[in-house]
Amino acid sequence: MKLSPLAARERFVASPVARLATADSQGVPHAVPVTFVVLGDTLYFAVDHKPKSTWDLRRLRNIRENPAVAVLVDHYDEDWSRLWWARADGRGEVLADGEERLRAVESLCGKYDRYGQYKDSPPQGPVVAVRVERWSGWAFA
């Protein structure tokens, strides 16, 4: 059954992790998991302290070349009557600094504080703002 935009957004926001899909200027796809927070109809994720050789990540280069992105959350269960997914489609923007970036980092820290992931090391790298243009989803029942 197709989810309403409101129901899709509600399920999306409640999820702990999502999959980000980007494509470069040639249309070559790239998908990675991201932790995120949603404020209004803007989704944020950050380049954090997990080991990386550079902050010049493919996902950031792709968004700069081609800002159209899709972000997916889903729930799998062996009981297929419990399956669902929700997606946010929008335009990504890389934020290197500024108030919006700071607000996003504070919100990310708040969301993931219960896991202790950002307690001692909040994200220092760029933040991506995805201006969501469409919420969609599906649930078995």
C-alpha atoms as a PDB file:
ATOM      1  CA  MET A   1       0.000   0.000   0.000  1.00  0.00           C
ATOM      2  CA  LYS A   2       1.309   3.429  -0.909  1.00  0.00           C
ATOM      3  CA  LEU A   3       2.071   5.626   2.105  1.00  0.00           C
ATOM      4  CA  SER A   4       0.916   9.224   2.264  1.00  0.00           C
ATOM      5  CA  PRO A   5       3.712  11.816   2.252  1.00  0.00           C
ATOM      6  CA  LEU A   6       3.024  12.471   5.959  1.00  0.00           C
ATOM      7  CA  ALA A   7       3.170   8.759   6.899  1.00  0.00           C
ATOM      8  CA  ALA A   8       6.321   8.271   4.819  1.00  0.00           C
ATOM      9  CA  ARG A   9       7.979  11.259   6.524  1.00  0.00           C
ATOM     10  CA  GLU A  10       6.993   9.991   9.997  1.00  0.00           C
ATOM     11  CA  ARG A  11       8.515   6.552   9.372  1.00  0.00           C
ATOM     12  CA  PHE A  12      11.585   8.124   7.818  1.00  0.00           C
ATOM     13  CA  VAL A  13      12.241  10.489  10.736  1.00  0.00           C
ATOM     14  CA  ALA A  14      11.964   7.643  13.276  1.00  0.00           C
ATOM     15  CA  SER A  15      14.661   5.560  11.567  1.00  0.00           C
ATOM     16  CA  PRO A  16      18.245   5.524  12.876  1.00  0.00           C
ATOM     17  CA  VAL A  17      20.012   5.089   9.532  1.00  0.00           C
ATOM     18  CA  ALA A  18      19.323   5.739   5.849  1.00  0.00           C
ATOM     19  CA  ARG A  19      20.896   4.976   2.478  1.00  0.00           C
ATOM     20  CA  LEU A  20      21.957   7.960   0.415  1.00  0.00           C
ATOM     21  CA  ALA A  21      21.922   7.615  -3.364  1.00  0.00           C
ATOM     22  CA  THR A  22      23.808  10.158  -5.473  1.00  0.00           C
ATOM     23  CA  ALA A  23      25.050  10.244  -9.047  1.00  0.00           C
ATOM     24  CA  ASP A  24      27.915  12.146 -10.605  1.00  0.00           C
ATOM     25  CA  SER A  25      27.583  14.453 -13.619  1.00  0.00           C
ATOM     26  CA  GLN A  26      27.769  11.403 -15.912  1.00  0.00           C
ATOM     27  CA  GLY A  27      24.959   9.629 -14.032  1.00  0.00           C
ATOM     28  CA  VAL A  28      27.210   7.038 -12.358  1.00  0.00           C
ATOM     29  CA  PRO A  29      25.377   6.009  -9.161  1.00  0.00           C
ATOM     30  CA  HIS A  30      26.842   5.810  -5.667  1.00  0.00           C
ATOM     31  CA  ALA A  31      25.067   4.659  -2.482  1.00  0.00           C
ATOM     32  CA  VAL A  32      26.236   4.817   1.136  1.00  0.00           C
ATOM     33  CA  PRO A  33      24.604   4.544   4.567  1.00  0.00           C
ATOM     34  CA  VAL A  34      24.242   7.778   6.548  1.00  0.00           C
ATOM     35  CA  THR A  35      23.067   8.843   9.972  1.00  0.00           C
ATOM     36  CA  PHE A  36      20.753  11.819   9.691  1.00  0.00           C
ATOM     37  CA  VAL A  37      18.308  14.197  11.275  1.00  0.00           C
ATOM     38  CA  VAL A  38      15.265  15.875   9.738  1.00  0.00           C
ATOM     39  CA  LEU A  39      14.288  19.455  10.596  1.00  0.00           C
ATOM     40  CA  GLY A  40      11.112  20.522   8.826  1.00  0.00           C
ATOM     41  CA  ASP A  41      11.518  19.274   5.269  1.00  0.00           C
ATOM     42  CA  THR A  42      15.310  19.376   5.284  1.00  0.00           C
ATOM     43  CA  LEU A  43      17.354  16.264   5.969  1.00  0.00           C
ATOM     44  CA  TYR A  44      20.909  16.674   7.285  1.00  0.00           C
ATOM     45  CA  PHE A  45      23.867  14.337   7.506  1.00  0.00           C
ATOM     46  CA  ALA A  46      27.479  15.102   8.320  1.00  0.00           C
ATOM     47  CA  VAL A  47      30.965  13.885   7.585  1.00  0.00           C
ATOM     48  CA  ASP A  48      31.934  12.709  11.042  1.00  0.00           C
ATOM     49  CA  HIS A  49      34.972  11.332  12.856  1.00  0.00           C
ATOM     50  CA  LYS A  50      34.764   7.741  11.633  1.00  0.00           C
ATOM     51  CA  PRO A  51      38.040   6.838   9.870  1.00  0.00           C
ATOM     52  CA  LYS A  52      38.269   8.401   6.411  1.00  0.00           C
ATOM     53  CA  SER A  53      41.340   9.295   4.415  1.00  0.00           C
ATOM     54  CA  THR A  54      39.829  12.621   3.266  1.00  0.00           C
ATOM     55  CA  TRP A  55      36.762  14.834   3.543  1.00  0.00           C
ATOM     56  CA  ASP A  56      36.693  15.005  -0.257  1.00  0.00           C
ATOM     57  CA  LEU A  57      34.255  12.102  -0.356  1.00  0.00           C
ATOM     58  CA  ARG A  58      32.574  10.853  -3.486  1.00  0.00           C
ATOM     59  CA  ARG A  59      29.122  11.582  -2.050  1.00  0.00           C
ATOM     60  CA  LEU A  60      30.086  15.252  -1.579  1.00  0.00           C
ATOM     61  CA  ARG A  61      31.661  15.537  -5.037  1.00  0.00           C
ATOM     62  CA  ASN A  62      28.554  13.962  -6.568  1.00  0.00           C
ATOM     63  CA  ILE A  63      26.217  16.391  -4.775  1.00  0.00           C
ATOM     64  CA  ARG A  64      28.305  19.352  -5.963  1.00  0.00           C
ATOM     65  CA  GLU A  65      28.142  18.029  -9.563  1.00  0.00           C
ATOM     66  CA  ASN A  66      24.558  16.781  -9.472  1.00  0.00           C
ATOM     67  CA  PRO A  67      22.474  17.883  -6.483  1.00  0.00           C
ATOM     68  CA  ALA A  68      19.560  15.478  -7.153  1.00  0.00           C
ATOM     69  CA  VAL A  69      19.587  12.832  -4.406  1.00  0.00           C
ATOM     70  CA  ALA A  70      17.378  10.098  -3.000  1.00  0.00           C
ATOM     71  CA  VAL A  71      17.563   8.928   0.600  1.00  0.00           C
ATOM     72  CA  LEU A  72      15.916   5.643   1.619  1.00  0.00           C
ATOM     73  CA  VAL A  73      14.997   4.017   4.918  1.00  0.00           C
ATOM     74  CA  ASP A  74      13.371   0.628   5.177  1.00  0.00           C
ATOM     75  CA  HIS A  75      12.218  -2.066   7.549  1.00  0.00           C
ATOM     76  CA  TYR A  76      12.751  -5.713   6.721  1.00  0.00           C
ATOM     77  CA  ASP A  77      11.093  -8.539   8.611  1.00  0.00           C
ATOM     78  CA  GLU A  78      10.834 -12.247   7.917  1.00  0.00           C
ATOM     79  CA  ASP A  79       7.104 -11.675   8.263  1.00  0.00           C
ATOM     80  CA  TRP A  80       6.646  -9.859   4.982  1.00  0.00           C
ATOM     81  CA  SER A  81       3.385  -8.296   6.192  1.00  0.00           C
ATOM     82  CA  ARG A  82       5.606  -5.968   8.270  1.00  0.00           C
ATOM     83  CA  LEU A  83       7.748  -4.684   5.387  1.00  0.00           C
ATOM     84  CA  TRP A  84       7.888  -0.984   4.579  1.00  0.00           C
ATOM     85  CA  TRP A  85      10.128   1.676   3.051  1.00  0.00           C
ATOM     86  CA  ALA A  86      10.137   5.458   2.936  1.00  0.00           C
ATOM     87  CA  ARG A  87      12.088   7.770   0.643  1.00  0.00           C
ATOM     88  CA  ALA A  88      13.043  11.436   0.567  1.00  0.00           C
ATOM     89  CA  ASP A  89      13.843  12.884  -2.856  1.00  0.00           C
ATOM     90  CA  GLY A  90      15.380  16.309  -3.052  1.00  0.00           C
ATOM     91  CA  ARG A  91      18.327  18.566  -3.775  1.00  0.00           C
ATOM     92  CA  GLY A  92      21.519  18.347  -1.770  1.00  0.00           C
ATOM     93  CA  GLU A  93      23.754  21.225  -0.743  1.00  0.00           C
ATOM     94  CA  VAL A  94      27.146  20.903   0.978  1.00  0.00           C
ATOM     95  CA  LEU A  95      27.492  23.246   3.965  1.00  0.00           C
ATOM     96  CA  ALA A  96      31.089  23.896   5.039  1.00  0.00           C
ATOM     97  CA  ASP A  97      30.238  26.455   7.723  1.00  0.00           C
ATOM     98  CA  GLY A  98      27.538  28.824   8.968  1.00  0.00           C
ATOM     99  CA  GLU A  99      24.553  28.821  11.318  1.00  0.00           C
ATOM    100  CA  GLU A 100      22.595  26.188   9.409  1.00  0.00           C
ATOM    101  CA  ARG A 101      25.556  23.785   9.618  1.00  0.00           C
ATOM    102  CA  LEU A 102      25.903  24.408  13.374  1.00  0.00           C
ATOM    103  CA  ARG A 103      22.157  23.850  13.949  1.00  0.00           C
ATOM    104  CA  ALA A 104      22.332  20.581  11.981  1.00  0.00           C
ATOM    105  CA  VAL A 105      25.342  19.331  13.984  1.00  0.00           C
ATOM    106  CA  GLU A 106      23.596  20.165  17.274  1.00  0.00           C
ATOM    107  CA  SER A 107      20.497  18.280  16.108  1.00  0.00           C
ATOM    108  CA  LEU A 108      22.547  15.276  14.983  1.00  0.00           C
ATOM    109  CA  CYS A 109      24.290  15.196  18.357  1.00  0.00           C
ATOM    110  CA  GLY A 110      20.906  15.344  20.070  1.00  0.00           C
ATOM    111  CA  LYS A 111      19.438  12.509  18.013  1.00  0.00           C
ATOM    112  CA  TYR A 112      22.404  10.182  18.461  1.00  0.00           C
ATOM    113  CA  ASP A 113      23.239  11.185  22.061  1.00  0.00           C
ATOM    114  CA  ARG A 114      21.454   8.080  23.372  1.00  0.00           C
ATOM    115  CA  TYR A 115      24.026   5.983  21.524  1.00  0.00           C
ATOM    116  CA  GLY A 116      26.959   8.125  22.710  1.00  0.00           C
ATOM    117  CA  GLN A 117      28.336   8.367  19.172  1.00  0.00           C
ATOM    118  CA  TYR A 118      28.897  12.117  19.124  1.00  0.00           C
ATOM    119  CA  LYS A 119      29.286  12.743  22.870  1.00  0.00           C
ATOM    120  CA  ASP A 120      33.044  13.366  22.793  1.00  0.00           C
ATOM    121  CA  SER A 121      33.478  14.039  19.088  1.00  0.00           C
ATOM    122  CA  PRO A 122      30.738  15.964  17.261  1.00  0.00           C
ATOM    123  CA  PRO A 123      31.008  16.024  13.466  1.00  0.00           C
ATOM    124  CA  GLN A 124      33.752  18.390  12.307  1.00  0.00           C
ATOM    125  CA  GLY A 125      33.396  17.884   8.565  1.00  0.00           C
ATOM    126  CA  PRO A 126      30.954  19.257   6.023  1.00  0.00           C
ATOM    127  CA  VAL A 127      27.214  18.844   6.521  1.00  0.00           C
ATOM    128  CA  VAL A 128      24.830  18.096   3.675  1.00  0.00           C
ATOM    129  CA  ALA A 129      21.380  19.657   3.641  1.00  0.00           C
ATOM    130  CA  VAL A 130      18.881  17.795   1.481  1.00  0.00           C
ATOM    131  CA  ARG A 131      15.916  20.043   0.682  1.00  0.00           C
ATOM    132  CA  VAL A 132      13.232  17.369   0.428  1.00  0.00           C
ATOM    133  CA  GLU A 133      10.853  17.922  -2.452  1.00  0.00           C
ATOM    134  CA  ARG A 134       8.983  14.625  -2.171  1.00  0.00           C
ATOM    135  CA  TRP A 135       8.282  12.117   0.612  1.00  0.00           C
ATOM    136  CA  SER A 136       7.048   8.718  -0.587  1.00  0.00           C
ATOM    137  CA  GLY A 137       6.782   5.198   0.706  1.00  0.00           C
ATOM    138  CA  TRP A 138       5.161   1.817   0.735  1.00  0.00           C
ATOM    139  CA  ALA A 139       4.003  -0.612   3.415  1.00  0.00           C
ATOM    140  CA  PHE A 140       2.658  -4.130   3.055  1.00  0.00           C
ATOM    141  CA  ALA A 141      -0.350  -3.267   5.196  1.00  0.00           C
END
